[in-house]
Amino acid sequence: MRAYNVFRSQAALAGRMVRNGPASLTQKRFLSIHEYRSMEQLNKHGINTPKFLPATSADEAFAAAKKFDGKPVVIKAQVLAGGRGKGHFDNGLQGGVHLVKTPEEVRDLAQKMIGSKLITKQTGEAGRICNAVMIAEARAPAHEYYAAILNDRVTQLPILIASNQGGMSIEDVAKENPDAIITTPIDYTKGLDLKTAQEIAHKLGFSSEKLEKQAAETFVNLYKLFDEKDATQVEINPLVETKDGQVLCLDAKLGFDENAEFRQKEVFDLRDISQEDPSEVEAGKYGLNFIKLDGNIGCLVNGAGLAMATLDVLSLNGGKPANFLDVGGGANAAAVKKAFELLLGSKDVRAIFVNIFGGIMRCDVIAEGIIQATKELDLKIPLVVRLQGTKEAEAKKLIKESNLKIFAFDNLDEAAKAAVDKAHTQQ
């Protein structure tokens, strides 16, 4: 069960932090890049992959496929979501991954993929736009493995997770057969040494010493990439032993720590905002952390912990939050106004609940933003406000003197109940 618990602790860091209950959200603190970009990073770090070429049009895909000398290739939709192979496009095409034999087939598939939305179990019904495809040589695996390097909250160290059951959902492997997973903590002051990597490769059961050495070198280089690029996730599934005697990474998923953007410009220039929600991208420009949910009460809160608590309190009072919005500690009146614009961007929002605990963030600054937004945006839906902490008295005075229809409360439960009640009356 140790391996399974490790996977559970890695969920947030790997972009899978799921909150159960009436509302669920994914809190991202990393940059994801497309598969072909990930493969490029692997190659730069001496890690072997099949030959591959990206294309952004059907003609480019056709030209790229002709460079594989008539050999079978795989065409893969470049969409930032798992389950692409089992997904479907909004134009009816089934599957985002296809094995094809001719450049003409590649062109036809690329024509259907590029510009259409791929819908998978991770995208929801809205899907995500496919703006590029990757054409890669088809390599026949003799055996498929799994390898990933993540940060482990339990040991507070990077860990290498490896399994000889690759090519499938590793979470399922961890749950059904935890003994099939090898978890190795890595001393970040020393890195992953070749001897340890070779021991792991031997346990996985590669068919020869030569292949064990190739796998070990791959593990070492994966850790170097993880360390040098401030990654939060380096996942290879599958890592394969090919029938012609090579160790290759057939699929790669990389994530990078957003806090390291200032020193990883080359990596962060690879960001594709077409794969992100436009409102979340816009929020980021103002230093706001915004995630859409499926409720009808817009929430504006400072601090991620208080924001989560606010969602819980609304849910306990029978309400459904429409979003997670953390304005942080450095927001100004303009940022608060932008936050209101984001909240009002959803036609489903029937009330707004502002819950601020002033520490670094001053309540009077929030109050100024609230008043400005209420006036300039001609707010028509109920606005419930709870402000406590630094400059609380000044904030309450500003709100009172504004003569605007703002419902102020001191008690969190009372404020949440009021927000829920007012949202219901607006249905």
Protein backbone atom coordinates (compact mmCIF):
# COMPACT_ATOMS: atom_id res chain seq x y z
CA MET A 1 0.00 0.00 0.00
CA ARG A 2 3.01 2.30 0.34
CA ALA A 3 3.18 2.77 -3.43
CA TYR A 4 -0.52 3.53 -3.64
CA ASN A 5 -0.24 6.10 -0.86
CA VAL A 6 2.64 7.73 -2.68
CA PHE A 7 0.48 8.08 -5.76
CA ARG A 8 -2.25 9.66 -3.68
CA SER A 9 0.22 12.14 -2.19
CA GLN A 10 1.49 12.98 -5.67
CA ALA A 11 -1.95 13.82 -7.02
CA ALA A 12 -1.78 17.55 -6.37
CA LEU A 13 1.76 17.88 -7.65
CA ALA A 14 0.91 15.98 -10.80
CA GLY A 15 -2.09 18.15 -11.53
CA ARG A 16 -4.72 15.78 -10.24
CA MET A 17 -5.74 17.42 -6.94
CA VAL A 18 -9.43 16.55 -6.85
CA ARG A 19 -11.72 17.87 -4.16
CA ASN A 20 -14.73 15.66 -3.53
CA GLY A 21 -18.17 17.05 -2.76
CA PRO A 22 -20.84 19.15 -4.40
CA ALA A 23 -18.17 21.06 -6.30
CA SER A 24 -14.84 19.81 -7.57
CA LEU A 25 -11.85 21.72 -8.80
CA THR A 26 -8.37 21.22 -10.11
CA GLN A 27 -5.82 23.61 -8.65
CA LYS A 28 -2.91 23.95 -11.05
CA ARG A 29 0.47 25.16 -9.88
CA PHE A 30 2.45 24.01 -12.88
CA LEU A 31 2.91 24.47 -16.61
CA SER A 32 2.05 21.57 -18.91
CA ILE A 33 3.47 21.43 -22.43
CA HIS A 34 2.45 19.43 -25.48
CA GLU A 35 3.80 15.94 -26.01
CA TYR A 36 6.06 16.87 -28.92
CA ARG A 37 7.52 19.69 -26.81
CA SER A 38 8.11 17.20 -24.00
CA MET A 39 9.84 14.85 -26.44
CA GLU A 40 12.09 17.72 -27.53
CA GLN A 41 13.08 18.28 -23.90
CA LEU A 42 13.85 14.58 -23.52
CA ASN A 43 16.11 14.61 -26.56
CA LYS A 44 17.95 17.69 -25.27
CA HIS A 45 18.77 15.69 -22.14
CA GLY A 46 20.11 12.66 -24.00
CA ILE A 47 16.95 10.57 -23.63
CA ASN A 48 15.97 8.38 -26.58
CA THR A 49 12.57 8.68 -28.26
CA PRO A 50 11.21 7.55 -31.61
CA LYS A 51 11.73 9.94 -34.50
CA PHE A 52 8.90 12.49 -34.50
CA LEU A 53 7.77 15.64 -36.29
CA PRO A 54 5.02 18.14 -35.40
CA ALA A 55 2.60 19.65 -37.90
CA THR A 56 0.02 22.44 -37.70
CA SER A 57 -1.80 21.75 -40.99
CA ALA A 58 -2.82 18.77 -43.09
CA ASP A 59 -0.23 19.67 -45.74
CA GLU A 60 2.52 19.90 -43.13
CA ALA A 61 1.46 16.53 -41.74
CA PHE A 62 1.56 15.01 -45.24
CA ALA A 63 5.05 16.40 -45.86
CA ALA A 64 6.24 15.18 -42.46
CA ALA A 65 4.86 11.67 -43.01
CA LYS A 66 6.78 11.38 -46.30
CA LYS A 67 10.04 11.76 -44.35
CA PHE A 68 9.53 8.38 -42.66
CA ASP A 69 10.44 6.48 -45.86
CA GLY A 70 7.17 4.61 -46.23
CA LYS A 71 7.25 3.11 -42.74
CA PRO A 72 4.12 2.99 -40.56
CA VAL A 73 3.69 6.04 -38.34
CA VAL A 74 1.51 7.12 -35.45
CA ILE A 75 -0.41 10.39 -35.67
CA LYS A 76 -1.30 11.88 -32.29
CA ALA A 77 -3.51 14.87 -31.59
CA GLN A 78 -1.64 17.47 -29.54
CA VAL A 79 -4.15 18.33 -26.83
CA LEU A 80 -3.28 18.82 -23.15
CA ALA A 81 -5.48 16.05 -21.77
CA GLY A 82 -5.19 12.40 -20.86
CA GLY A 83 -7.11 9.64 -22.57
CA ARG A 84 -6.58 11.00 -26.09
CA GLY A 85 -6.59 7.57 -27.68
CA LYS A 86 -10.04 6.79 -26.29
CA GLY A 87 -11.44 10.25 -26.92
CA HIS A 88 -13.49 11.55 -29.85
CA PHE A 89 -13.61 14.76 -31.85
CA ASP A 90 -16.61 17.06 -32.08
CA ASN A 91 -16.75 16.28 -35.82
CA GLY A 92 -17.31 12.58 -35.16
CA LEU A 93 -13.76 11.26 -35.61
CA GLN A 94 -13.06 8.56 -33.04
CA GLY A 95 -9.71 8.56 -31.25
CA GLY A 96 -6.91 11.10 -31.02
CA VAL A 97 -4.18 8.51 -31.72
CA HIS A 98 -4.02 6.44 -34.93
CA LEU A 99 -1.56 3.99 -36.48
CA VAL A 100 -1.37 4.67 -40.22
CA LYS A 101 0.58 3.32 -43.18
CA THR A 102 0.59 6.07 -45.80
CA PRO A 103 1.17 9.84 -45.94
CA GLU A 104 -2.26 10.19 -47.54
CA GLU A 105 -3.91 8.67 -44.46
CA VAL A 106 -1.91 11.03 -42.27
CA ARG A 107 -3.13 14.02 -44.29
CA ASP A 108 -6.75 12.90 -44.09
CA LEU A 109 -6.61 12.37 -40.34
CA ALA A 110 -4.75 15.64 -39.74
CA GLN A 111 -7.44 17.45 -41.74
CA LYS A 112 -10.07 16.09 -39.36
CA MET A 113 -8.05 16.65 -36.18
CA ILE A 114 -6.58 20.12 -36.61
CA GLY A 115 -9.09 22.84 -35.84
CA SER A 116 -11.52 20.44 -34.14
CA LYS A 117 -12.07 19.78 -30.45
CA LEU A 118 -11.00 16.52 -28.84
CA ILE A 119 -13.25 15.33 -26.05
CA THR A 120 -11.77 12.97 -23.46
CA LYS A 121 -12.55 11.89 -19.92
CA GLN A 122 -10.37 14.76 -18.69
CA THR A 123 -11.67 17.60 -20.88
CA GLY A 124 -15.37 17.28 -20.15
CA GLU A 125 -17.97 17.78 -22.88
CA ALA A 126 -16.48 21.12 -23.92
CA GLY A 127 -13.34 19.38 -25.21
CA ARG A 128 -10.11 21.12 -26.15
CA ILE A 129 -9.04 22.51 -29.48
CA CYS A 130 -6.41 20.57 -31.45
CA ASN A 131 -4.06 22.98 -33.20
CA ALA A 132 -1.26 20.53 -33.99
CA VAL A 133 -0.50 16.86 -34.47
CA MET A 134 2.64 14.81 -33.92
CA ILE A 135 3.74 12.20 -36.43
CA ALA A 136 6.08 9.60 -34.92
CA GLU A 137 7.65 6.40 -36.18
CA ALA A 138 5.80 3.30 -35.03
CA ARG A 139 8.11 1.18 -32.88
CA ALA A 140 7.03 -2.31 -31.87
CA PRO A 141 7.54 -2.86 -28.13
CA ALA A 142 8.67 -6.17 -26.70
CA HIS A 143 7.63 -4.93 -23.26
CA GLU A 144 6.15 -1.74 -21.81
CA TYR A 145 7.26 -0.09 -18.56
CA TYR A 146 6.33 3.01 -16.58
CA ALA A 147 8.67 5.63 -15.13
CA ALA A 148 7.98 8.94 -13.41
CA ILE A 149 9.80 11.41 -11.21
CA LEU A 150 7.66 13.44 -8.82
CA ASN A 151 7.96 15.29 -5.53
CA ASP A 152 6.84 13.20 -2.57
CA ARG A 153 5.19 15.09 0.28
CA VAL A 154 5.73 12.17 2.66
CA THR A 155 9.52 11.98 2.37
CA GLN A 156 9.86 15.59 1.16
CA LEU A 157 12.16 14.30 -1.55
CA PRO A 158 11.95 13.67 -5.28
CA ILE A 159 11.07 10.04 -6.00
CA LEU A 160 11.46 7.74 -8.98
CA ILE A 161 8.38 5.59 -9.51
CA ALA A 162 8.87 2.65 -11.86
CA SER A 163 6.83 -0.36 -12.88
CA ASN A 164 7.06 -3.22 -15.37
CA GLN A 165 3.35 -2.74 -16.05
CA GLY A 166 3.38 0.26 -18.36
CA GLY A 167 1.09 1.37 -21.14
CA MET A 168 -1.94 1.52 -18.82
CA SER A 169 -3.28 3.71 -16.05
CA ILE A 170 -0.61 3.66 -13.36
CA GLU A 171 -3.18 4.63 -10.73
CA ASP A 172 -5.01 1.38 -11.52
CA VAL A 173 -1.77 -0.58 -11.23
CA ALA A 174 -1.04 1.09 -7.88
CA LYS A 175 -4.48 0.19 -6.60
CA GLU A 176 -4.76 -3.36 -7.93
CA ASN A 177 -1.15 -4.55 -7.74
CA PRO A 178 0.97 -2.21 -5.57
CA ASP A 179 3.83 -4.73 -5.48
CA ALA A 180 4.35 -4.06 -9.19
CA ILE A 181 5.56 -0.54 -8.37
CA ILE A 182 9.06 0.37 -7.22
CA THR A 183 9.35 3.68 -5.36
CA THR A 184 12.83 5.11 -4.80
CA PRO A 185 13.49 8.38 -2.90
CA ILE A 186 16.25 10.55 -4.39
CA ASP A 187 18.61 12.66 -2.30
CA TYR A 188 18.32 16.00 -4.08
CA THR A 189 21.80 17.04 -2.89
CA LYS A 190 23.36 14.06 -4.69
CA GLY A 191 20.92 13.24 -7.46
CA LEU A 192 20.20 9.80 -8.86
CA ASP A 193 23.40 7.77 -9.23
CA LEU A 194 23.88 5.19 -11.99
CA LYS A 195 24.32 2.29 -9.56
CA THR A 196 20.92 2.88 -7.95
CA ALA A 197 19.34 3.35 -11.37
CA GLN A 198 20.82 0.05 -12.57
CA GLU A 199 19.42 -1.75 -9.52
CA ILE A 200 15.96 -0.40 -10.34
CA ALA A 201 16.30 -1.43 -14.00
CA HIS A 202 17.32 -4.94 -12.92
CA LYS A 203 14.26 -5.26 -10.68
CA LEU A 204 12.02 -4.23 -13.57
CA GLY A 205 13.24 -7.22 -15.56
CA PHE A 206 14.80 -5.88 -18.75
CA SER A 207 15.88 -8.75 -20.97
CA SER A 208 19.62 -8.04 -21.06
CA GLU A 209 22.39 -6.21 -19.21
CA LYS A 210 22.73 -3.90 -22.20
CA LEU A 211 19.10 -2.87 -21.95
CA GLU A 212 19.36 -2.54 -18.17
CA LYS A 213 22.18 -0.07 -18.69
CA GLN A 214 20.16 1.89 -21.27
CA ALA A 215 17.20 2.03 -18.90
CA ALA A 216 19.43 3.14 -16.01
CA GLU A 217 20.93 5.94 -18.10
CA THR A 218 17.40 6.98 -19.05
CA PHE A 219 16.39 7.18 -15.36
CA VAL A 220 19.46 9.26 -14.52
CA ASN A 221 18.81 11.68 -17.38
CA LEU A 222 15.13 11.94 -16.50
CA TYR A 223 16.14 13.09 -13.04
CA LYS A 224 18.60 15.61 -14.48
CA LEU A 225 15.78 17.05 -16.59
CA PHE A 226 13.51 17.13 -13.54
CA ASP A 227 16.12 18.95 -11.48
CA GLU A 228 17.51 21.36 -14.06
CA LYS A 229 14.13 22.47 -15.41
CA ASP A 230 12.29 22.86 -12.07
CA ALA A 231 9.81 20.16 -13.06
CA THR A 232 6.95 18.99 -10.90
CA GLN A 233 6.32 15.92 -13.04
CA VAL A 234 8.29 13.85 -15.53
CA GLU A 235 6.13 10.91 -16.58
CA ILE A 236 6.95 8.34 -19.27
CA ASN A 237 4.17 5.92 -20.13
CA PRO A 238 5.14 3.77 -21.81
CA LEU A 239 8.88 3.41 -21.53
CA VAL A 240 9.55 0.46 -23.84
CA GLU A 241 12.05 -2.20 -24.65
CA THR A 242 11.71 -2.50 -28.43
CA LYS A 243 11.92 -5.71 -30.41
CA ASP A 244 15.09 -4.45 -32.06
CA GLY A 245 16.82 -3.98 -28.69
CA GLN A 246 16.46 -0.34 -27.61
CA VAL A 247 14.97 1.49 -24.66
CA LEU A 248 12.73 4.33 -25.83
CA CYS A 249 10.24 6.79 -24.36
CA LEU A 250 7.12 6.49 -26.49
CA ASP A 251 5.05 9.05 -24.59
CA ALA A 252 6.04 11.89 -22.28
CA LYS A 253 4.15 14.19 -19.95
CA LEU A 254 6.07 17.03 -18.33
CA GLY A 255 4.93 19.64 -15.81
CA PHE A 256 6.93 22.59 -14.49
CA ASP A 257 6.70 24.70 -11.33
CA GLU A 258 5.14 28.10 -12.07
CA ASN A 259 7.21 29.63 -9.27
CA ALA A 260 10.32 28.95 -11.39
CA GLU A 261 9.09 30.83 -14.44
CA PHE A 262 11.60 33.63 -13.86
CA ARG A 263 14.52 31.23 -14.46
CA GLN A 264 12.91 28.85 -16.97
CA LYS A 265 11.94 31.28 -19.72
CA GLU A 266 12.79 28.80 -22.48
CA VAL A 267 10.35 26.27 -21.06
CA PHE A 268 7.58 28.75 -20.26
CA ASP A 269 7.75 30.16 -23.79
CA LEU A 270 6.30 26.77 -24.82
CA ARG A 271 3.03 27.48 -23.02
CA ASP A 272 -0.07 27.06 -25.21
CA ILE A 273 -2.84 29.23 -23.82
CA SER A 274 -5.32 27.84 -26.37
CA GLN A 275 -5.46 24.79 -24.08
CA GLU A 276 -6.49 26.87 -21.08
CA ASP A 277 -9.76 28.49 -20.06
CA PRO A 278 -9.68 32.11 -21.36
CA SER A 279 -11.02 33.48 -18.08
CA GLU A 280 -8.27 31.72 -16.13
CA VAL A 281 -5.64 33.13 -18.49
CA GLU A 282 -7.10 36.63 -18.09
CA ALA A 283 -7.14 36.23 -14.30
CA GLY A 284 -3.47 35.33 -14.31
CA LYS A 285 -2.60 38.67 -15.89
CA TYR A 286 -3.88 40.37 -12.73
CA GLY A 287 -2.32 37.93 -10.28
CA LEU A 288 -5.67 36.28 -9.60
CA ASN A 289 -6.11 32.55 -9.16
CA PHE A 290 -9.42 31.72 -10.84
CA ILE A 291 -11.02 28.35 -11.58
CA LYS A 292 -14.54 27.83 -12.89
CA LEU A 293 -16.96 25.52 -11.10
CA ASP A 294 -20.53 24.61 -11.93
CA GLY A 295 -22.56 26.54 -9.30
CA ASN A 296 -24.38 29.86 -9.16
CA ILE A 297 -22.65 31.79 -6.32
CA GLY A 298 -19.63 33.77 -7.41
CA CYS A 299 -16.88 33.77 -4.76
CA LEU A 300 -14.12 36.31 -4.18
CA VAL A 301 -11.75 35.36 -1.36
CA ASN A 302 -8.17 36.03 -0.31
CA GLY A 303 -6.01 33.00 0.41
CA ALA A 304 -6.39 29.48 -0.97
CA GLY A 305 -7.21 27.97 2.42
CA LEU A 306 -9.97 30.49 3.15
CA ALA A 307 -11.26 30.04 -0.39
CA MET A 308 -11.60 26.27 0.13
CA ALA A 309 -13.30 26.86 3.48
CA THR A 310 -15.67 29.32 1.83
CA LEU A 311 -16.68 26.76 -0.78
CA ASP A 312 -17.32 24.25 2.00
CA VAL A 313 -19.44 26.66 4.05
CA LEU A 314 -21.54 27.59 1.03
CA SER A 315 -22.04 23.90 0.24
CA LEU A 316 -23.01 23.12 3.84
CA ASN A 317 -25.67 25.82 3.59
CA GLY A 318 -27.10 24.28 0.44
CA GLY A 319 -25.34 26.52 -2.06
CA LYS A 320 -23.24 25.76 -5.13
CA PRO A 321 -20.08 27.83 -5.70
CA ALA A 322 -19.57 29.04 -9.25
CA ASN A 323 -15.83 29.39 -8.96
CA PHE A 324 -12.65 29.34 -6.91
CA LEU A 325 -11.16 32.85 -6.89
CA ASP A 326 -8.20 33.78 -4.71
CA VAL A 327 -7.15 37.43 -5.01
CA GLY A 328 -4.03 36.81 -2.91
CA GLY A 329 -2.35 39.36 -0.71
CA GLY A 330 -1.28 41.93 -3.26
CA ALA A 331 -4.49 42.76 -5.09
CA ASN A 332 -5.45 46.38 -5.74
CA ALA A 333 -8.78 47.99 -6.66
CA ALA A 334 -8.22 47.31 -10.37
CA ALA A 335 -7.60 43.62 -9.69
CA VAL A 336 -10.75 43.41 -7.56
CA LYS A 337 -12.74 45.00 -10.39
CA LYS A 338 -11.29 42.44 -12.82
CA ALA A 339 -12.29 39.71 -10.38
CA PHE A 340 -15.89 40.96 -10.49
CA GLU A 341 -15.78 41.00 -14.29
CA LEU A 342 -14.68 37.36 -14.26
CA LEU A 343 -17.46 36.43 -11.86
CA LEU A 344 -20.06 38.20 -13.95
CA GLY A 345 -18.75 36.52 -17.09
CA SER A 346 -20.84 33.49 -16.19
CA LYS A 347 -24.54 33.74 -16.97
CA ASP A 348 -25.19 31.23 -14.18
CA VAL A 349 -24.02 33.49 -11.32
CA ARG A 350 -27.02 34.63 -9.25
CA ALA A 351 -25.20 36.19 -6.27
CA ILE A 352 -21.66 37.18 -5.30
CA PHE A 353 -20.06 36.37 -1.96
CA VAL A 354 -16.93 38.31 -0.92
CA ASN A 355 -15.12 36.79 2.06
CA ILE A 356 -11.94 38.63 3.09
CA PHE A 357 -9.73 38.18 6.11
CA GLY A 358 -7.41 41.17 6.11
CA GLY A 359 -3.81 40.35 6.96
CA ILE A 360 -1.39 41.28 4.22
CA MET A 361 -4.46 42.17 2.16
CA ARG A 362 -6.13 45.30 3.59
CA CYS A 363 -9.92 45.29 3.86
CA ASP A 364 -10.22 48.92 2.78
CA VAL A 365 -8.46 48.17 -0.51
CA ILE A 366 -10.95 45.36 -1.17
CA ALA A 367 -13.82 47.68 -0.20
CA GLU A 368 -12.62 50.30 -2.68
CA GLY A 369 -12.52 47.67 -5.41
CA ILE A 370 -15.97 46.39 -4.48
CA ILE A 371 -17.46 49.88 -4.64
CA GLN A 372 -15.71 50.69 -7.92
CA ALA A 373 -16.84 47.43 -9.51
CA THR A 374 -20.42 47.76 -8.27
CA LYS A 375 -20.73 51.23 -9.79
CA GLU A 376 -18.85 50.73 -13.04
CA LEU A 377 -20.26 47.29 -13.83
CA ASP A 378 -23.81 48.27 -12.89
CA LEU A 379 -24.15 45.24 -10.65
CA LYS A 380 -27.70 43.86 -10.69
CA ILE A 381 -27.33 40.67 -8.61
CA PRO A 382 -27.09 40.55 -4.78
CA LEU A 383 -23.66 41.17 -3.24
CA VAL A 384 -22.89 39.70 0.18
CA VAL A 385 -19.69 40.86 1.89
CA ARG A 386 -17.77 39.71 4.97
CA LEU A 387 -14.65 41.71 5.80
CA GLN A 388 -12.50 41.14 8.87
CA GLY A 389 -8.96 42.05 9.85
CA THR A 390 -6.64 44.86 8.82
CA LYS A 391 -8.45 48.16 8.15
CA GLU A 392 -11.79 46.45 8.80
CA ALA A 393 -13.44 49.54 10.33
CA GLU A 394 -12.35 51.76 7.46
CA ALA A 395 -13.67 49.20 4.96
CA LYS A 396 -17.08 49.00 6.61
CA LYS A 397 -17.29 52.78 6.68
CA LEU A 398 -16.52 53.00 2.97
CA ILE A 399 -19.24 50.46 2.17
CA LYS A 400 -21.80 52.15 4.38
CA GLU A 401 -21.12 55.62 2.95
CA SER A 402 -21.32 54.30 -0.62
CA ASN A 403 -25.12 53.88 -0.22
CA LEU A 404 -24.91 50.85 -2.49
CA LYS A 405 -27.00 47.73 -2.02
CA ILE A 406 -24.30 45.65 -0.38
CA PHE A 407 -25.22 43.15 2.34
CA ALA A 408 -22.49 43.16 5.02
CA PHE A 409 -22.01 40.48 7.70
CA ASP A 410 -19.46 39.71 10.42
CA ASN A 411 -20.29 36.02 10.92
CA LEU A 412 -19.16 33.58 8.20
CA ASP A 413 -22.08 31.17 8.54
CA GLU A 414 -24.63 33.99 8.47
CA ALA A 415 -22.96 35.54 5.45
CA ALA A 416 -22.83 32.23 3.59
CA LYS A 417 -26.49 31.49 4.36
CA ALA A 418 -27.46 34.94 3.12
CA ALA A 419 -25.53 34.41 -0.13
CA VAL A 420 -27.28 31.06 -0.67
CA ASP A 421 -30.72 32.52 0.07
CA LYS A 422 -30.23 35.46 -2.25
CA ALA A 423 -28.96 33.22 -5.06
CA HIS A 424 -32.12 31.11 -4.69
CA THR A 425 -34.37 34.17 -4.92
CA GLN A 426 -32.70 35.16 -8.20
CA GLN A 427 -33.51 31.87 -9.95
